[in-house]
Amino acid sequence: MAEVQISQRRELHWLLDRISERDLSRARDFLRELVDPVALSLLNAPFDDEPESPAERAAVDTARREPGEGTPHEDVLREFGL
């Protein structure tokens, strides 16, 4: 059984190395779905195009005035494996 699993993993690596550049994103999304369907759902969520309410805008303004440097965008992406 373990040999079959290793053989399948080798084949997947072989296939991955041969995916065209233009299809890499689709392949990644498909594999993410197999591993974590929630992550894929978040990636495919529609853009929120609703206008901000005055209360939301005030909350954002308050958050931006908070002291400290915040967290760099790159650190957030790295934390979530993106």
PDB file of N, CA and C in Angstrom:
ATOM      1  N   MET A   1       0.825  -1.200   0.000  1.00  0.00           N
ATOM      2  CA  MET A   1       0.000   0.000   0.000  1.00  0.00           C
ATOM      3  C   MET A   1       0.864   1.257   0.000  1.00  0.00           C
ATOM      4  N   ALA A   2       1.907   1.309   0.817  1.00  0.00           N
ATOM      5  CA  ALA A   2       2.768   2.481   0.894  1.00  0.00           C
ATOM      6  C   ALA A   2       3.468   2.726  -0.438  1.00  0.00           C
ATOM      7  N   GLU A   3       3.865   1.649  -1.134  1.00  0.00           N
ATOM      8  CA  GLU A   3       4.529   1.813  -2.425  1.00  0.00           C
ATOM      9  C   GLU A   3       3.592   2.423  -3.455  1.00  0.00           C
ATOM     10  N   VAL A   4       2.330   2.038  -3.413  1.00  0.00           N
ATOM     11  CA  VAL A   4       1.343   2.607  -4.337  1.00  0.00           C
ATOM     12  C   VAL A   4       1.218   4.105  -4.080  1.00  0.00           C
ATOM     13  N   GLN A   5       1.170   4.497  -2.808  1.00  0.00           N
ATOM     14  CA  GLN A   5       1.051   5.905  -2.446  1.00  0.00           C
ATOM     15  C   GLN A   5       2.280   6.689  -2.923  1.00  0.00           C
ATOM     16  N   ILE A   6       3.468   6.140  -2.745  1.00  0.00           N
ATOM     17  CA  ILE A   6       4.695   6.799  -3.207  1.00  0.00           C
ATOM     18  C   ILE A   6       4.673   6.919  -4.721  1.00  0.00           C
ATOM     19  N   SER A   7       4.259   5.874  -5.403  1.00  0.00           N
ATOM     20  CA  SER A   7       4.192   5.887  -6.858  1.00  0.00           C
ATOM     21  C   SER A   7       3.210   6.963  -7.337  1.00  0.00           C
ATOM     22  N   GLN A   8       2.082   7.081  -6.674  1.00  0.00           N
ATOM     23  CA  GLN A   8       1.094   8.088  -7.051  1.00  0.00           C
ATOM     24  C   GLN A   8       1.633   9.500  -6.807  1.00  0.00           C
ATOM     25  N   ARG A   9       2.339   9.676  -5.709  1.00  0.00           N
ATOM     26  CA  ARG A   9       2.930  10.984  -5.421  1.00  0.00           C
ATOM     27  C   ARG A   9       3.989  11.338  -6.466  1.00  0.00           C
ATOM     28  N   ARG A  10       4.793  10.372  -6.846  1.00  0.00           N
ATOM     29  CA  ARG A  10       5.801  10.619  -7.887  1.00  0.00           C
ATOM     30  C   ARG A  10       5.125  11.028  -9.191  1.00  0.00           C
ATOM     31  N   GLU A  11       4.043  10.326  -9.521  1.00  0.00           N
ATOM     32  CA  GLU A  11       3.330  10.670 -10.754  1.00  0.00           C
ATOM     33  C   GLU A  11       2.762  12.080 -10.669  1.00  0.00           C
ATOM     34  N   LEU A  12       2.205  12.431  -9.517  1.00  0.00           N
ATOM     35  CA  LEU A  12       1.673  13.783  -9.362  1.00  0.00           C
ATOM     36  C   LEU A  12       2.776  14.826  -9.510  1.00  0.00           C
ATOM     37  N   HIS A  13       3.927  14.582  -8.931  1.00  0.00           N
ATOM     38  CA  HIS A  13       5.062  15.500  -9.095  1.00  0.00           C
ATOM     39  C   HIS A  13       5.466  15.585 -10.568  1.00  0.00           C
ATOM     40  N   TRP A  14       5.499  14.463 -11.237  1.00  0.00           N
ATOM     41  CA  TRP A  14       5.855  14.418 -12.655  1.00  0.00           C
ATOM     42  C   TRP A  14       4.861  15.254 -13.471  1.00  0.00           C
ATOM     43  N   LEU A  15       3.568  15.064 -13.183  1.00  0.00           N
ATOM     44  CA  LEU A  15       2.540  15.818 -13.894  1.00  0.00           C
ATOM     45  C   LEU A  15       2.649  17.311 -13.596  1.00  0.00           C
ATOM     46  N   LEU A  16       2.854  17.647 -12.348  1.00  0.00           N
ATOM     47  CA  LEU A  16       2.967  19.041 -11.954  1.00  0.00           C
ATOM     48  C   LEU A  16       4.101  19.742 -12.690  1.00  0.00           C
ATOM     49  N   ASP A  17       5.207  19.056 -12.848  1.00  0.00           N
ATOM     50  CA  ASP A  17       6.354  19.636 -13.549  1.00  0.00           C
ATOM     51  C   ASP A  17       6.069  19.874 -15.026  1.00  0.00           C
ATOM     52  N   ARG A  18       5.024  19.295 -15.550  1.00  0.00           N
ATOM     53  CA  ARG A  18       4.719  19.420 -16.967  1.00  0.00           C
ATOM     54  C   ARG A  18       3.496  20.285 -17.277  1.00  0.00           C
ATOM     55  N   ILE A  19       2.909  20.857 -16.258  1.00  0.00           N
ATOM     56  CA  ILE A  19       1.759  21.741 -16.457  1.00  0.00           C
ATOM     57  C   ILE A  19       2.254  23.055 -17.050  1.00  0.00           C
ATOM     58  N   SER A  20       1.546  23.549 -18.044  1.00  0.00           N
ATOM     59  CA  SER A  20       1.946  24.798 -18.678  1.00  0.00           C
ATOM     60  C   SER A  20       1.816  25.956 -17.690  1.00  0.00           C
ATOM     61  N   GLU A  21       2.594  26.998 -17.933  1.00  0.00           N
ATOM     62  CA  GLU A  21       2.571  28.178 -17.062  1.00  0.00           C
ATOM     63  C   GLU A  21       1.164  28.759 -16.947  1.00  0.00           C
ATOM     64  N   ARG A  22       0.439  28.763 -18.049  1.00  0.00           N
ATOM     65  CA  ARG A  22      -0.900  29.367 -18.024  1.00  0.00           C
ATOM     66  C   ARG A  22      -1.899  28.538 -17.225  1.00  0.00           C
ATOM     67  N   ASP A  23      -1.615  27.264 -17.001  1.00  0.00           N
ATOM     68  CA  ASP A  23      -2.530  26.392 -16.251  1.00  0.00           C
ATOM     69  C   ASP A  23      -2.120  26.185 -14.796  1.00  0.00           C
ATOM     70  N   LEU A  24      -0.980  26.738 -14.395  1.00  0.00           N
ATOM     71  CA  LEU A  24      -0.507  26.524 -13.025  1.00  0.00           C
ATOM     72  C   LEU A  24      -1.500  27.028 -11.975  1.00  0.00           C
ATOM     73  N   SER A  25      -2.087  28.169 -12.221  1.00  0.00           N
ATOM     74  CA  SER A  25      -3.027  28.731 -11.252  1.00  0.00           C
ATOM     75  C   SER A  25      -4.241  27.821 -11.070  1.00  0.00           C
ATOM     76  N   ARG A  26      -4.769  27.314 -12.187  1.00  0.00           N
ATOM     77  CA  ARG A  26      -5.918  26.387 -12.097  1.00  0.00           C
ATOM     78  C   ARG A  26      -5.542  25.128 -11.348  1.00  0.00           C
ATOM     79  N   ALA A  27      -4.352  24.593 -11.634  1.00  0.00           N
ATOM     80  CA  ALA A  27      -3.901  23.373 -10.961  1.00  0.00           C
ATOM     81  C   ALA A  27      -3.749  23.622  -9.467  1.00  0.00           C
ATOM     82  N   ARG A  28      -3.160  24.770  -9.112  1.00  0.00           N
ATOM     83  CA  ARG A  28      -2.992  25.103  -7.699  1.00  0.00           C
ATOM     84  C   ARG A  28      -4.349  25.189  -6.998  1.00  0.00           C
ATOM     85  N   ASP A  29      -5.300  25.871  -7.627  1.00  0.00           N
ATOM     86  CA  ASP A  29      -6.625  26.004  -7.020  1.00  0.00           C
ATOM     87  C   ASP A  29      -7.295  24.653  -6.841  1.00  0.00           C
ATOM     88  N   PHE A  30      -7.155  23.784  -7.830  1.00  0.00           N
ATOM     89  CA  PHE A  30      -7.751  22.457  -7.729  1.00  0.00           C
ATOM     90  C   PHE A  30      -7.124  21.670  -6.576  1.00  0.00           C
ATOM     91  N   LEU A  31      -5.806  21.707  -6.469  1.00  0.00           N
ATOM     92  CA  LEU A  31      -5.133  20.986  -5.387  1.00  0.00           C
ATOM     93  C   LEU A  31      -5.494  21.570  -4.026  1.00  0.00           C
ATOM     94  N   ARG A  32      -5.622  22.884  -3.956  1.00  0.00           N
ATOM     95  CA  ARG A  32      -6.038  23.506  -2.688  1.00  0.00           C
ATOM     96  C   ARG A  32      -7.428  23.024  -2.288  1.00  0.00           C
ATOM     97  N   GLU A  33      -8.308  22.874  -3.275  1.00  0.00           N
ATOM     98  CA  GLU A  33      -9.659  22.398  -2.975  1.00  0.00           C
ATOM     99  C   GLU A  33      -9.607  21.004  -2.366  1.00  0.00           C
ATOM    100  N   LEU A  34      -8.735  20.164  -2.899  1.00  0.00           N
ATOM    101  CA  LEU A  34      -8.612  18.809  -2.357  1.00  0.00           C
ATOM    102  C   LEU A  34      -8.079  18.820  -0.940  1.00  0.00           C
ATOM    103  N   VAL A  35      -7.199  19.765  -0.653  1.00  0.00           N
ATOM    104  CA  VAL A  35      -6.569  19.836   0.663  1.00  0.00           C
ATOM    105  C   VAL A  35      -7.433  20.638   1.640  1.00  0.00           C
ATOM    106  N   ASP A  36      -7.956  21.764   1.173  1.00  0.00           N
ATOM    107  CA  ASP A  36      -8.699  22.659   2.060  1.00  0.00           C
ATOM    108  C   ASP A  36      -9.814  23.358   1.286  1.00  0.00           C
ATOM    109  N   PRO A  37     -11.005  22.797   1.288  1.00  0.00           N
ATOM    110  CA  PRO A  37     -12.103  23.402   0.529  1.00  0.00           C
ATOM    111  C   PRO A  37     -12.465  24.804   1.015  1.00  0.00           C
ATOM    112  N   VAL A  38     -12.211  25.110   2.285  1.00  0.00           N
ATOM    113  CA  VAL A  38     -12.519  26.444   2.797  1.00  0.00           C
ATOM    114  C   VAL A  38     -11.596  27.479   2.150  1.00  0.00           C
ATOM    115  N   ALA A  39     -10.307  27.143   2.008  1.00  0.00           N
ATOM    116  CA  ALA A  39      -9.355  28.064   1.387  1.00  0.00           C
ATOM    117  C   ALA A  39      -9.772  28.381  -0.042  1.00  0.00           C
ATOM    118  N   LEU A  40     -10.191  27.381  -0.771  1.00  0.00           N
ATOM    119  CA  LEU A  40     -10.609  27.621  -2.149  1.00  0.00           C
ATOM    120  C   LEU A  40     -11.874  28.469  -2.198  1.00  0.00           C
ATOM    121  N   SER A  41     -12.793  28.238  -1.278  1.00  0.00           N
ATOM    122  CA  SER A  41     -14.014  29.051  -1.236  1.00  0.00           C
ATOM    123  C   SER A  41     -13.680  30.518  -1.013  1.00  0.00           C
ATOM    124  N   LEU A  42     -12.726  30.771  -0.135  1.00  0.00           N
ATOM    125  CA  LEU A  42     -12.321  32.152   0.122  1.00  0.00           C
ATOM    126  C   LEU A  42     -11.658  32.768  -1.101  1.00  0.00           C
ATOM    127  N   LEU A  43     -10.827  31.993  -1.787  1.00  0.00           N
ATOM    128  CA  LEU A  43     -10.158  32.495  -2.981  1.00  0.00           C
ATOM    129  C   LEU A  43     -11.156  32.824  -4.088  1.00  0.00           C
ATOM    130  N   ASN A  44     -12.245  32.075  -4.147  1.00  0.00           N
ATOM    131  CA  ASN A  44     -13.231  32.257  -5.210  1.00  0.00           C
ATOM    132  C   ASN A  44     -14.389  33.158  -4.811  1.00  0.00           C
ATOM    133  N   ALA A  45     -14.337  33.700  -3.607  1.00  0.00           N
ATOM    134  CA  ALA A  45     -15.425  34.558  -3.147  1.00  0.00           C
ATOM    135  C   ALA A  45     -15.502  35.805  -4.035  1.00  0.00           C
ATOM    136  N   PRO A  46     -16.707  36.241  -4.345  1.00  0.00           N
ATOM    137  CA  PRO A  46     -16.836  37.428  -5.194  1.00  0.00           C
ATOM    138  C   PRO A  46     -16.320  38.675  -4.480  1.00  0.00           C
ATOM    139  N   PHE A  47     -15.860  39.627  -5.265  1.00  0.00           N
ATOM    140  CA  PHE A  47     -15.404  40.902  -4.735  1.00  0.00           C
ATOM    141  C   PHE A  47     -16.565  41.612  -4.072  1.00  0.00           C
ATOM    142  N   ASP A  48     -16.327  42.174  -2.906  1.00  0.00           N
ATOM    143  CA  ASP A  48     -17.368  42.902  -2.189  1.00  0.00           C
ATOM    144  C   ASP A  48     -17.456  44.314  -2.761  1.00  0.00           C
ATOM    145  N   ASP A  49     -18.472  44.541  -3.585  1.00  0.00           N
ATOM    146  CA  ASP A  49     -18.596  45.840  -4.238  1.00  0.00           C
ATOM    147  C   ASP A  49     -19.682  46.718  -3.613  1.00  0.00           C
ATOM    148  N   GLU A  50     -20.142  46.314  -2.425  1.00  0.00           N
ATOM    149  CA  GLU A  50     -21.136  47.143  -1.748  1.00  0.00           C
ATOM    150  C   GLU A  50     -20.454  48.381  -1.178  1.00  0.00           C
ATOM    151  N   PRO A  51     -21.112  49.528  -1.262  1.00  0.00           N
ATOM    152  CA  PRO A  51     -20.505  50.737  -0.693  1.00  0.00           C
ATOM    153  C   PRO A  51     -20.401  50.630   0.824  1.00  0.00           C
ATOM    154  N   GLU A  52     -19.378  51.279   1.357  1.00  0.00           N
ATOM    155  CA  GLU A  52     -19.228  51.292   2.817  1.00  0.00           C
ATOM    156  C   GLU A  52     -20.308  52.156   3.441  1.00  0.00           C
ATOM    157  N   SER A  53     -20.788  51.694   4.573  1.00  0.00           N
ATOM    158  CA  SER A  53     -21.728  52.515   5.333  1.00  0.00           C
ATOM    159  C   SER A  53     -20.912  53.550   6.118  1.00  0.00           C
ATOM    160  N   PRO A  54     -21.554  54.604   6.586  1.00  0.00           N
ATOM    161  CA  PRO A  54     -20.817  55.581   7.405  1.00  0.00           C
ATOM    162  C   PRO A  54     -20.178  54.934   8.639  1.00  0.00           C
ATOM    163  N   ALA A  55     -20.862  53.967   9.246  1.00  0.00           N
ATOM    164  CA  ALA A  55     -20.308  53.291  10.430  1.00  0.00           C
ATOM    165  C   ALA A  55     -19.069  52.476  10.057  1.00  0.00           C
ATOM    166  N   GLU A  56     -19.115  51.790   8.911  1.00  0.00           N
ATOM    167  CA  GLU A  56     -17.956  51.020   8.464  1.00  0.00           C
ATOM    168  C   GLU A  56     -16.779  51.942   8.163  1.00  0.00           C
ATOM    169  N   ARG A  57     -17.055  53.042   7.499  1.00  0.00           N
ATOM    170  CA  ARG A  57     -15.997  53.996   7.151  1.00  0.00           C
ATOM    171  C   ARG A  57     -15.359  54.550   8.427  1.00  0.00           C
ATOM    172  N   ALA A  58     -16.179  54.852   9.425  1.00  0.00           N
ATOM    173  CA  ALA A  58     -15.651  55.370  10.701  1.00  0.00           C
ATOM    174  C   ALA A  58     -14.795  54.318  11.394  1.00  0.00           C
ATOM    175  N   ALA A  59     -15.213  53.058  11.335  1.00  0.00           N
ATOM    176  CA  ALA A  59     -14.425  51.984  11.958  1.00  0.00           C
ATOM    177  C   ALA A  59     -13.071  51.826  11.277  1.00  0.00           C
ATOM    178  N   VAL A  60     -13.047  51.941   9.955  1.00  0.00           N
ATOM    179  CA  VAL A  60     -11.783  51.849   9.217  1.00  0.00           C
ATOM    180  C   VAL A  60     -10.882  53.021   9.577  1.00  0.00           C
ATOM    181  N   ASP A  61     -11.448  54.215   9.629  1.00  0.00           N
ATOM    182  CA  ASP A  61     -10.665  55.395  10.000  1.00  0.00           C
ATOM    183  C   ASP A  61     -10.069  55.240  11.398  1.00  0.00           C
ATOM    184  N   THR A  62     -10.859  54.719  12.324  1.00  0.00           N
ATOM    185  CA  THR A  62     -10.374  54.493  13.687  1.00  0.00           C
ATOM    186  C   THR A  62      -9.226  53.494  13.691  1.00  0.00           C
ATOM    187  N   ALA A  63      -9.388  52.413  12.958  1.00  0.00           N
ATOM    188  CA  ALA A  63      -8.342  51.381  12.909  1.00  0.00           C
ATOM    189  C   ALA A  63      -7.051  51.938  12.310  1.00  0.00           C
ATOM    190  N   ARG A  64      -7.169  52.785  11.312  1.00  0.00           N
ATOM    191  CA  ARG A  64      -5.975  53.364  10.673  1.00  0.00           C
ATOM    192  C   ARG A  64      -5.245  54.333  11.593  1.00  0.00           C
ATOM    193  N   ARG A  65      -5.940  54.914  12.544  1.00  0.00           N
ATOM    194  CA  ARG A  65      -5.311  55.840  13.480  1.00  0.00           C
ATOM    195  C   ARG A  65      -4.684  55.128  14.672  1.00  0.00           C
ATOM    196  N   GLU A  66      -4.881  53.814  14.799  1.00  0.00           N
ATOM    197  CA  GLU A  66      -4.316  53.086  15.933  1.00  0.00           C
ATOM    198  C   GLU A  66      -2.798  53.171  15.897  1.00  0.00           C
ATOM    199  N   PRO A  67      -2.184  53.241  17.084  1.00  0.00           N
ATOM    200  CA  PRO A  67      -0.719  53.331  17.118  1.00  0.00           C
ATOM    201  C   PRO A  67      -0.068  52.029  16.657  1.00  0.00           C
ATOM    202  N   GLY A  68       1.176  52.142  16.232  1.00  0.00           N
ATOM    203  CA  GLY A  68       1.917  50.955  15.818  1.00  0.00           C
ATOM    204  C   GLY A  68       2.041  50.894  14.312  1.00  0.00           C
ATOM    205  N   GLU A  69       2.965  50.070  13.886  1.00  0.00           N
ATOM    206  CA  GLU A  69       3.240  49.950  12.463  1.00  0.00           C
ATOM    207  C   GLU A  69       2.288  49.003  11.749  1.00  0.00           C
ATOM    208  N   GLY A  70       1.598  48.157  12.491  1.00  0.00           N
ATOM    209  CA  GLY A  70       0.735  47.172  11.859  1.00  0.00           C
ATOM    210  C   GLY A  70       1.546  45.978  11.381  1.00  0.00           C
ATOM    211  N   THR A  71       0.943  45.144  10.573  1.00  0.00           N
ATOM    212  CA  THR A  71       1.590  43.949  10.043  1.00  0.00           C
ATOM    213  C   THR A  71       1.789  44.115   8.549  1.00  0.00           C
ATOM    214  N   PRO A  72       3.028  43.970   8.066  1.00  0.00           N
ATOM    215  CA  PRO A  72       3.255  44.090   6.627  1.00  0.00           C
ATOM    216  C   PRO A  72       2.435  43.061   5.842  1.00  0.00           C
ATOM    217  N   HIS A  73       1.963  43.484   4.689  1.00  0.00           N
ATOM    218  CA  HIS A  73       1.140  42.624   3.839  1.00  0.00           C
ATOM    219  C   HIS A  73       1.834  41.297   3.540  1.00  0.00           C
ATOM    220  N   GLU A  74       3.134  41.344   3.281  1.00  0.00           N
ATOM    221  CA  GLU A  74       3.887  40.129   2.970  1.00  0.00           C
ATOM    222  C   GLU A  74       3.842  39.133   4.128  1.00  0.00           C
ATOM    223  N   ASP A  75       3.876  39.644   5.368  1.00  0.00           N
ATOM    224  CA  ASP A  75       3.810  38.758   6.532  1.00  0.00           C
ATOM    225  C   ASP A  75       2.449  38.071   6.632  1.00  0.00           C
ATOM    226  N   VAL A  76       1.407  38.804   6.319  1.00  0.00           N
ATOM    227  CA  VAL A  76       0.057  38.224   6.355  1.00  0.00           C
ATOM    228  C   VAL A  76      -0.052  37.128   5.296  1.00  0.00           C
ATOM    229  N   LEU A  77       0.411  37.416   4.086  1.00  0.00           N
ATOM    230  CA  LEU A  77       0.363  36.405   3.026  1.00  0.00           C
ATOM    231  C   LEU A  77       1.144  35.166   3.413  1.00  0.00           C
ATOM    232  N   ARG A  78       2.343  35.361   3.967  1.00  0.00           N
ATOM    233  CA  ARG A  78       3.171  34.228   4.378  1.00  0.00           C
ATOM    234  C   ARG A  78       2.485  33.408   5.461  1.00  0.00           C
ATOM    235  N   GLU A  79       1.844  34.098   6.414  1.00  0.00           N
ATOM    236  CA  GLU A  79       1.154  33.411   7.508  1.00  0.00           C
ATOM    237  C   GLU A  79       0.047  32.492   6.980  1.00  0.00           C
ATOM    238  N   PHE A  80      -0.593  32.912   5.892  1.00  0.00           N
ATOM    239  CA  PHE A  80      -1.675  32.123   5.322  1.00  0.00           C
ATOM    240  C   PHE A  80      -1.235  31.259   4.149  1.00  0.00           C
ATOM    241  N   GLY A  81       0.076  31.185   3.938  1.00  0.00           N
ATOM    242  CA  GLY A  81       0.604  30.318   2.900  1.00  0.00           C
ATOM    243  C   GLY A  81       0.299  30.795   1.498  1.00  0.00           C
ATOM    244  N   LEU A  82       0.182  32.081   1.302  1.00  0.00           N
ATOM    245  CA  LEU A  82      -0.139  32.640  -0.025  1.00  0.00           C
ATOM    246  C   LEU A  82       1.057  33.338  -0.626  1.00  0.00           C
TER     247      LEU A  82
END
